[in-house]
Structure formats: C-alpha cells, structure tokens
C-alpha atoms as a PDB file:
ATOM      1  CA  UNK A   1      20.126 -38.423 -12.620  1.00  0.00           C
ATOM      2  CA  UNK A   2      17.383 -41.019 -13.089  1.00  0.00           C
ATOM      3  CA  UNK A   3      17.872 -42.193  -9.505  1.00  0.00           C
ATOM      4  CA  UNK A   4      17.400 -38.637  -8.194  1.00  0.00           C
ATOM      5  CA  UNK A   5      14.200 -38.244 -10.226  1.00  0.00           C
ATOM      6  CA  UNK A   6      12.798 -41.545  -8.911  1.00  0.00           C
ATOM      7  CA  UNK A   7      13.602 -40.574  -5.335  1.00  0.00           C
ATOM      8  CA  UNK A   8      11.848 -37.226  -5.870  1.00  0.00           C
ATOM      9  CA  UNK A   9       8.795 -38.960  -7.354  1.00  0.00           C
ATOM     10  CA  UNK A  10       8.628 -41.396  -4.440  1.00  0.00           C
ATOM     11  CA  UNK A  11       8.770 -38.467  -2.027  1.00  0.00           C
ATOM     12  CA  UNK A  12       5.921 -36.586  -3.769  1.00  0.00           C
ATOM     13  CA  UNK A  13       2.519 -36.122  -2.137  1.00  0.00           C
ATOM     14  CA  UNK A  14      -0.924 -34.700  -2.877  1.00  0.00           C
ATOM     15  CA  UNK A  15      -2.958 -32.132  -0.942  1.00  0.00           C
ATOM     16  CA  UNK A  16      -6.727 -31.814  -1.380  1.00  0.00           C
ATOM     17  CA  UNK A  17      -8.737 -28.953   0.069  1.00  0.00           C
ATOM     18  CA  UNK A  18     -12.378 -27.888   0.212  1.00  0.00           C
ATOM     19  CA  UNK A  19     -13.310 -24.379   1.389  1.00  0.00           C
ATOM     20  CA  UNK A  20     -16.478 -22.398   2.034  1.00  0.00           C
ATOM     21  CA  UNK A  21     -17.297 -18.872   3.099  1.00  0.00           C
ATOM     22  CA  UNK A  22     -20.593 -17.047   3.581  1.00  0.00           C
ATOM     23  CA  UNK A  23     -21.587 -13.592   4.689  1.00  0.00           C
ATOM     24  CA  UNK A  24     -25.137 -12.253   5.020  1.00  0.00           C
ATOM     25  CA  UNK A  25     -26.314  -8.765   5.864  1.00  0.00           C
ATOM     26  CA  UNK A  26     -29.885  -7.692   6.536  1.00  0.00           C
ATOM     27  CA  UNK A  27     -30.616  -3.991   6.030  1.00  0.00           C
ATOM     28  CA  UNK A  28     -33.391  -1.455   5.443  1.00  0.00           C
ATOM     29  CA  UNK A  29     -35.734   0.433   7.737  1.00  0.00           C
ATOM     30  CA  UNK A  30     -37.899  -2.651   8.240  1.00  0.00           C
ATOM     31  CA  UNK A  31     -35.042  -5.112   7.666  1.00  0.00           C
ATOM     32  CA  UNK A  32     -36.667  -6.101   4.394  1.00  0.00           C
ATOM     33  CA  UNK A  33     -33.519  -6.288   2.227  1.00  0.00           C
ATOM     34  CA  UNK A  34     -30.457  -8.527   2.228  1.00  0.00           C
ATOM     35  CA  UNK A  35     -26.959  -8.949   0.829  1.00  0.00           C
ATOM     36  CA  UNK A  36     -25.722 -12.552   0.579  1.00  0.00           C
ATOM     37  CA  UNK A  37     -22.241 -13.618  -0.507  1.00  0.00           C
ATOM     38  CA  UNK A  38     -21.151 -17.263  -0.805  1.00  0.00           C
ATOM     39  CA  UNK A  39     -17.878 -18.804  -1.949  1.00  0.00           C
ATOM     40  CA  UNK A  40     -17.216 -22.505  -2.626  1.00  0.00           C
ATOM     41  CA  UNK A  41     -13.821 -23.749  -3.722  1.00  0.00           C
ATOM     42  CA  UNK A  42     -11.774 -26.904  -4.130  1.00  0.00           C
ATOM     43  CA  UNK A  43      -8.086 -27.409  -4.892  1.00  0.00           C
ATOM     44  CA  UNK A  44      -5.744 -30.236  -5.783  1.00  0.00           C
ATOM     45  CA  UNK A  45      -2.011 -29.671  -5.238  1.00  0.00           C
ATOM     46  CA  UNK A  46       0.624 -32.130  -6.393  1.00  0.00           C
ATOM     47  CA  UNK A  47       3.969 -31.616  -4.695  1.00  0.00           C
ATOM     48  CA  UNK A  48       6.738 -32.965  -6.921  1.00  0.00           C
ATOM     49  CA  UNK A  49       9.324 -31.817  -4.417  1.00  0.00           C
ATOM     50  CA  UNK A  50       9.174 -31.514  -0.643  1.00  0.00           C
ATOM     51  CA  UNK A  51       8.128 -27.849  -0.622  1.00  0.00           C
ATOM     52  CA  UNK A  52       7.048 -27.016  -4.204  1.00  0.00           C
ATOM     53  CA  UNK A  53       4.153 -28.274  -6.289  1.00  0.00           C
ATOM     54  CA  UNK A  54       1.487 -27.477  -8.877  1.00  0.00           C
ATOM     55  CA  UNK A  55      -2.002 -26.481  -7.768  1.00  0.00           C
ATOM     56  CA  UNK A  56      -5.259 -26.734  -9.724  1.00  0.00           C
ATOM     57  CA  UNK A  57      -8.371 -25.097  -8.268  1.00  0.00           C
ATOM     58  CA  UNK A  58     -11.989 -24.290  -9.059  1.00  0.00           C
ATOM     59  CA  UNK A  59     -14.159 -21.758  -7.289  1.00  0.00           C
ATOM     60  CA  UNK A  60     -17.705 -20.390  -7.467  1.00  0.00           C
ATOM     61  CA  UNK A  61     -18.590 -17.071  -5.888  1.00  0.00           C
ATOM     62  CA  UNK A  62     -22.233 -15.975  -5.710  1.00  0.00           C
ATOM     63  CA  UNK A  63     -23.353 -12.495  -4.684  1.00  0.00           C
ATOM     64  CA  UNK A  64     -27.070 -11.845  -4.277  1.00  0.00           C
ATOM     65  CA  UNK A  65     -28.488  -8.430  -3.365  1.00  0.00           C
ATOM     66  CA  UNK A  66     -32.233  -8.300  -2.728  1.00  0.00           C
ATOM     67  CA  UNK A  67     -33.794  -4.870  -2.219  1.00  0.00           C
ATOM     68  CA  UNK A  68     -37.443  -4.966  -1.134  1.00  0.00           C
ATOM     69  CA  UNK A  69     -37.747  -1.288  -0.238  1.00  0.00           C
ATOM     70  CA  UNK A  70     -40.032   0.418  -2.799  1.00  0.00           C
ATOM     71  CA  UNK A  71     -38.659   3.441  -4.621  1.00  0.00           C
ATOM     72  CA  UNK A  72     -40.340   5.884  -7.024  1.00  0.00           C
ATOM     73  CA  UNK A  73     -38.687   6.660 -10.358  1.00  0.00           C
ATOM     74  CA  UNK A  74     -39.402   9.316 -12.986  1.00  0.00           C
ATOM     75  CA  UNK A  75     -42.891   9.092 -14.431  1.00  0.00           C
ATOM     76  CA  UNK A  76     -44.386   7.944 -11.143  1.00  0.00           C
ATOM     77  CA  UNK A  77     -43.584   4.247 -11.581  1.00  0.00           C
ATOM     78  CA  UNK A  78     -42.622   2.381  -8.422  1.00  0.00           C
ATOM     79  CA  UNK A  79     -39.846  -0.221  -8.279  1.00  0.00           C
ATOM     80  CA  UNK A  80     -41.373  -2.602  -5.741  1.00  0.00           C
ATOM     81  CA  UNK A  81     -38.267  -4.781  -5.466  1.00  0.00           C
ATOM     82  CA  UNK A  82     -35.038  -5.679  -7.226  1.00  0.00           C
ATOM     83  CA  UNK A  83     -32.801  -8.738  -7.116  1.00  0.00           C
ATOM     84  CA  UNK A  84     -29.250  -8.612  -8.495  1.00  0.00           C
ATOM     85  CA  UNK A  85     -27.223 -11.821  -8.769  1.00  0.00           C
ATOM     86  CA  UNK A  86     -23.585 -12.129  -9.884  1.00  0.00           C
ATOM     87  CA  UNK A  87     -22.007 -15.581 -10.257  1.00  0.00           C
ATOM     88  CA  UNK A  88     -18.260 -15.821 -10.852  1.00  0.00           C
ATOM     89  CA  UNK A  89     -16.613 -19.140 -11.730  1.00  0.00           C
ATOM     90  CA  UNK A  90     -12.823 -19.149 -11.458  1.00  0.00           C
ATOM     91  CA  UNK A  91     -10.480 -21.899 -12.682  1.00  0.00           C
ATOM     92  CA  UNK A  92      -6.793 -21.564 -11.906  1.00  0.00           C
ATOM     93  CA  UNK A  93      -3.436 -23.288 -12.204  1.00  0.00           C
ATOM     94  CA  UNK A  94      -0.331 -22.198 -10.371  1.00  0.00           C
ATOM     95  CA  UNK A  95       2.709 -22.989  -8.294  1.00  0.00           C
ATOM     96  CA  UNK A  96       2.341 -23.628  -4.574  1.00  0.00           C
ATOM     97  CA  UNK A  97       5.318 -23.079  -2.293  1.00  0.00           C
ATOM     98  CA  UNK A  98       5.018 -24.589   1.166  1.00  0.00           C
ATOM     99  CA  UNK A  99       7.115 -22.977   3.911  1.00  0.00           C
ATOM    100  CA  UNK A 100       7.180 -26.071   6.147  1.00  0.00           C
ATOM    101  CA  UNK A 101       7.266 -29.836   5.677  1.00  0.00           C
ATOM    102  CA  UNK A 102       4.043 -31.806   5.260  1.00  0.00           C
ATOM    103  CA  UNK A 103       4.542 -33.286   8.752  1.00  0.00           C
ATOM    104  CA  UNK A 104       4.660 -29.902  10.492  1.00  0.00           C
ATOM    105  CA  UNK A 105       1.850 -28.920  12.858  1.00  0.00           C
ATOM    106  CA  UNK A 106       1.444 -25.502  11.173  1.00  0.00           C
ATOM    107  CA  UNK A 107       2.102 -25.150   7.423  1.00  0.00           C
ATOM    108  CA  UNK A 108       2.111 -21.709   5.783  1.00  0.00           C
ATOM    109  CA  UNK A 109       2.177 -21.608   1.977  1.00  0.00           C
ATOM    110  CA  UNK A 110       2.195 -19.155  -0.948  1.00  0.00           C
ATOM    111  CA  UNK A 111       0.613 -19.632  -4.381  1.00  0.00           C
ATOM    112  CA  UNK A 112       0.685 -17.720  -7.645  1.00  0.00           C
ATOM    113  CA  UNK A 113      -0.417 -18.410 -11.185  1.00  0.00           C
ATOM    114  CA  UNK A 114      -2.995 -17.970 -13.953  1.00  0.00           C
ATOM    115  CA  UNK A 115      -6.771 -17.789 -13.478  1.00  0.00           C
ATOM    116  CA  UNK A 116      -9.731 -17.717 -15.863  1.00  0.00           C
ATOM    117  CA  UNK A 117     -12.836 -15.912 -14.580  1.00  0.00           C
ATOM    118  CA  UNK A 118     -16.285 -16.455 -16.078  1.00  0.00           C
ATOM    119  CA  UNK A 119     -18.779 -13.853 -14.843  1.00  0.00           C
ATOM    120  CA  UNK A 120     -22.561 -13.980 -15.307  1.00  0.00           C
ATOM    121  CA  UNK A 121     -25.020 -11.507 -13.853  1.00  0.00           C
ATOM    122  CA  UNK A 122     -28.744 -10.772 -13.961  1.00  0.00           C
ATOM    123  CA  UNK A 123     -31.104  -8.265 -12.367  1.00  0.00           C
ATOM    124  CA  UNK A 124     -34.815  -8.753 -11.827  1.00  0.00           C
ATOM    125  CA  UNK A 125     -37.184  -5.853 -11.189  1.00  0.00           C
ATOM    126  CA  UNK A 126     -40.786  -5.854  -9.986  1.00  0.00           C
ATOM    127  CA  UNK A 127     -42.368  -2.579 -11.165  1.00  0.00           C
ATOM    128  CA  UNK A 128     -45.744  -1.063 -10.313  1.00  0.00           C
ATOM    129  CA  UNK A 129     -46.959   1.066 -13.253  1.00  0.00           C
ATOM    130  CA  UNK A 130     -50.179   2.821 -12.204  1.00  0.00           C
ATOM    131  CA  UNK A 131     -51.471  -0.287 -10.428  1.00  0.00           C
ATOM    132  CA  UNK A 132     -50.195  -2.797 -12.987  1.00  0.00           C
ATOM    133  CA  UNK A 133     -47.367  -4.913 -11.605  1.00  0.00           C
ATOM    134  CA  UNK A 134     -44.809  -6.225 -14.113  1.00  0.00           C
ATOM    135  CA  UNK A 135     -41.596  -8.216 -13.816  1.00  0.00           C
ATOM    136  CA  UNK A 136     -38.478  -7.486 -15.864  1.00  0.00           C
ATOM    137  CA  UNK A 137     -35.223  -9.420 -16.032  1.00  0.00           C
ATOM    138  CA  UNK A 138     -31.987  -8.011 -17.477  1.00  0.00           C
ATOM    139  CA  UNK A 139     -29.294 -10.545 -18.373  1.00  0.00           C
ATOM    140  CA  UNK A 140     -25.753  -9.239 -18.798  1.00  0.00           C
ATOM    141  CA  UNK A 141     -23.432 -10.666 -21.429  1.00  0.00           C
ATOM    142  CA  UNK A 142     -21.070 -13.323 -20.068  1.00  0.00           C
ATOM    143  CA  UNK A 143     -17.591 -12.016 -19.347  1.00  0.00           C
ATOM    144  CA  UNK A 144     -14.434 -14.127 -19.725  1.00  0.00           C
ATOM    145  CA  UNK A 145     -11.464 -12.539 -18.006  1.00  0.00           C
ATOM    146  CA  UNK A 146      -7.848 -13.737 -18.128  1.00  0.00           C
ATOM    147  CA  UNK A 147      -6.287 -13.038 -14.738  1.00  0.00           C
ATOM    148  CA  UNK A 148      -3.353 -13.674 -12.449  1.00  0.00           C
ATOM    149  CA  UNK A 149      -3.669 -14.640  -8.818  1.00  0.00           C
ATOM    150  CA  UNK A 150      -1.594 -14.456  -5.666  1.00  0.00           C
ATOM    151  CA  UNK A 151      -2.533 -16.269  -2.472  1.00  0.00           C
ATOM    152  CA  UNK A 152      -1.427 -17.295   0.985  1.00  0.00           C
ATOM    153  CA  UNK A 153      -2.712 -20.070   3.220  1.00  0.00           C
ATOM    154  CA  UNK A 154      -2.186 -21.459   6.699  1.00  0.00           C
ATOM    155  CA  UNK A 155      -2.829 -25.123   7.484  1.00  0.00           C
ATOM    156  CA  UNK A 156      -3.216 -26.536  10.990  1.00  0.00           C
ATOM    157  CA  UNK A 157      -2.622 -30.299  11.012  1.00  0.00           C
ATOM    158  CA  UNK A 158      -5.172 -32.205  13.102  1.00  0.00           C
ATOM    159  CA  UNK A 159      -4.257 -35.816  12.287  1.00  0.00           C
ATOM    160  CA  UNK A 160      -1.692 -37.550  10.131  1.00  0.00           C
ATOM    161  CA  UNK A 161      -3.718 -36.784   6.996  1.00  0.00           C
ATOM    162  CA  UNK A 162      -6.307 -34.086   7.793  1.00  0.00           C
ATOM    163  CA  UNK A 163      -6.182 -30.441   8.799  1.00  0.00           C
ATOM    164  CA  UNK A 164      -7.962 -27.093   8.840  1.00  0.00           C
ATOM    165  CA  UNK A 165      -6.900 -24.509   6.274  1.00  0.00           C
ATOM    166  CA  UNK A 166      -7.601 -20.798   5.978  1.00  0.00           C
ATOM    167  CA  UNK A 167      -6.584 -18.907   2.877  1.00  0.00           C
ATOM    168  CA  UNK A 168      -6.432 -15.479   1.246  1.00  0.00           C
ATOM    169  CA  UNK A 169      -6.433 -14.953  -2.522  1.00  0.00           C
ATOM    170  CA  UNK A 170      -6.276 -11.893  -4.752  1.00  0.00           C
ATOM    171  CA  UNK A 171      -7.363 -12.314  -8.382  1.00  0.00           C
ATOM    172  CA  UNK A 172      -6.088  -9.524 -10.635  1.00  0.00           C
ATOM    173  CA  UNK A 173      -7.974  -9.047 -13.915  1.00  0.00           C
ATOM    174  CA  UNK A 174      -5.647  -8.887 -16.935  1.00  0.00           C
ATOM    175  CA  UNK A 175      -2.734  -9.427 -14.513  1.00  0.00           C
ATOM    176  CA  UNK A 176      -2.898  -5.765 -13.506  1.00  0.00           C
ATOM    177  CA  UNK A 177      -1.234  -5.559 -10.078  1.00  0.00           C
ATOM    178  CA  UNK A 178      -2.833  -2.149  -9.517  1.00  0.00           C
ATOM    179  CA  UNK A 179      -6.086  -4.124  -9.085  1.00  0.00           C
ATOM    180  CA  UNK A 180      -4.672  -6.261  -6.254  1.00  0.00           C
ATOM    181  CA  UNK A 181      -7.380  -5.221  -3.773  1.00  0.00           C
ATOM    182  CA  UNK A 182     -10.302  -5.218  -6.262  1.00  0.00           C
ATOM    183  CA  UNK A 183     -11.076  -8.946  -5.986  1.00  0.00           C
ATOM    184  CA  UNK A 184      -9.968 -10.614  -2.761  1.00  0.00           C
ATOM    185  CA  UNK A 185     -11.357 -13.673  -0.975  1.00  0.00           C
ATOM    186  CA  UNK A 186     -10.851 -15.166   2.450  1.00  0.00           C
ATOM    187  CA  UNK A 187     -12.002 -18.760   2.931  1.00  0.00           C
ATOM    188  CA  UNK A 188     -11.666 -21.575   5.459  1.00  0.00           C
ATOM    189  CA  UNK A 189     -12.151 -25.317   5.190  1.00  0.00           C
ATOM    190  CA  UNK A 190     -10.680 -28.800   5.451  1.00  0.00           C
ATOM    191  CA  UNK A 191      -7.637 -30.268   3.755  1.00  0.00           C
ATOM    192  CA  UNK A 192      -6.058 -33.672   3.415  1.00  0.00           C
ATOM    193  CA  UNK A 193      -2.493 -34.722   2.570  1.00  0.00           C
ATOM    194  CA  UNK A 194      -1.757 -38.158   1.041  1.00  0.00           C
END
C-alpha cells in the first residue's frame, strides 16, 4: 500500500495557468459612452493521480459602464454623465479531471467545486442642477456569496512544459443550478505543466 502511494506521489505533477479576457463596446449617438469588461485569473492544479487533481484559483472581473450622454430627470435636473463599476473577486477550490495525459498534444479537462464571490460596486453621477454641477458617488454594500462552479477547458501543448489554454466557467450563486447561465466566463491564456 505504501509503495503504491509513493509511486502515485512520484507520478504527480503541477499545472499553472494565467488567463485574461477583455471586451469593450463604444456606443451612443456620438460614440461618447463605453462598456468595458475585463477578467484576470490564475490557477494552480496539483494532480495527485495521472488524470485527477485539486485546483485552486483566483479571479478578478471588472465591469465598467460609462454613460456620457446627458439625460433630463424630474425637476429639470440633468445627469451629465454616470459611471458604474462592479468588481467581483472569486476564490475557488475544486477537483479537476483531465481527459488526456499530460503529454498529449490536446488536453480537455472538467472542473467543479466551491467558490466564494466578493462583489463591490459603485456609481458616480455628475449632475447639473440649474447651472450648478455636482458629483455624487453611491457605494453599494459588499456582497459575499457562497457559490458552486462548473468549468471546462482545452489545452494545446506547445512545448514540453508550456501551452495555450481556453476555458469556460459557470459560477452558480448559492449552488443554484437554475442560475447556470447567469454568471459565465470565457477566458484564454498560457499554462505550464511541471
């Protein structure tokens, strides 16, 4: 039994990955407004067996909507511009199941586990009140959400140690599978196997 455990430990390996995704949209009649979304993530997977391991990951997602098109509200005040920012930090631990050996050219994998989401948001308004311009900032209370996640990835090996990885992840608040499509991310980046 001890011999089998030692052989398994000697055969173990580690996978590191770093991913990034960005999308930017310019809109408005004069193209004065924008919607920016950025995602950064890193993961460390320790394979205790040839195909199965534990994965730890951290991710930051930032969504920034800037609206510079003036709009009139009740009372005649004018909202000159608004800027809404939502930052979501996600920390997760789960099981990663590879569907090919670490030496394969293409390596698909599945992951599932627990995630903790920390969400902070703020909105800034610039308001014109009868010629007097004022700035207001509304800070929302921090949200801590226990979640479950399910993901899939595809790794293309470039060299003995490095590769390119694309991944999909769904994070379900309160482990409610009915919310599978509410929070999904697609990222791409580099990975290394040691």
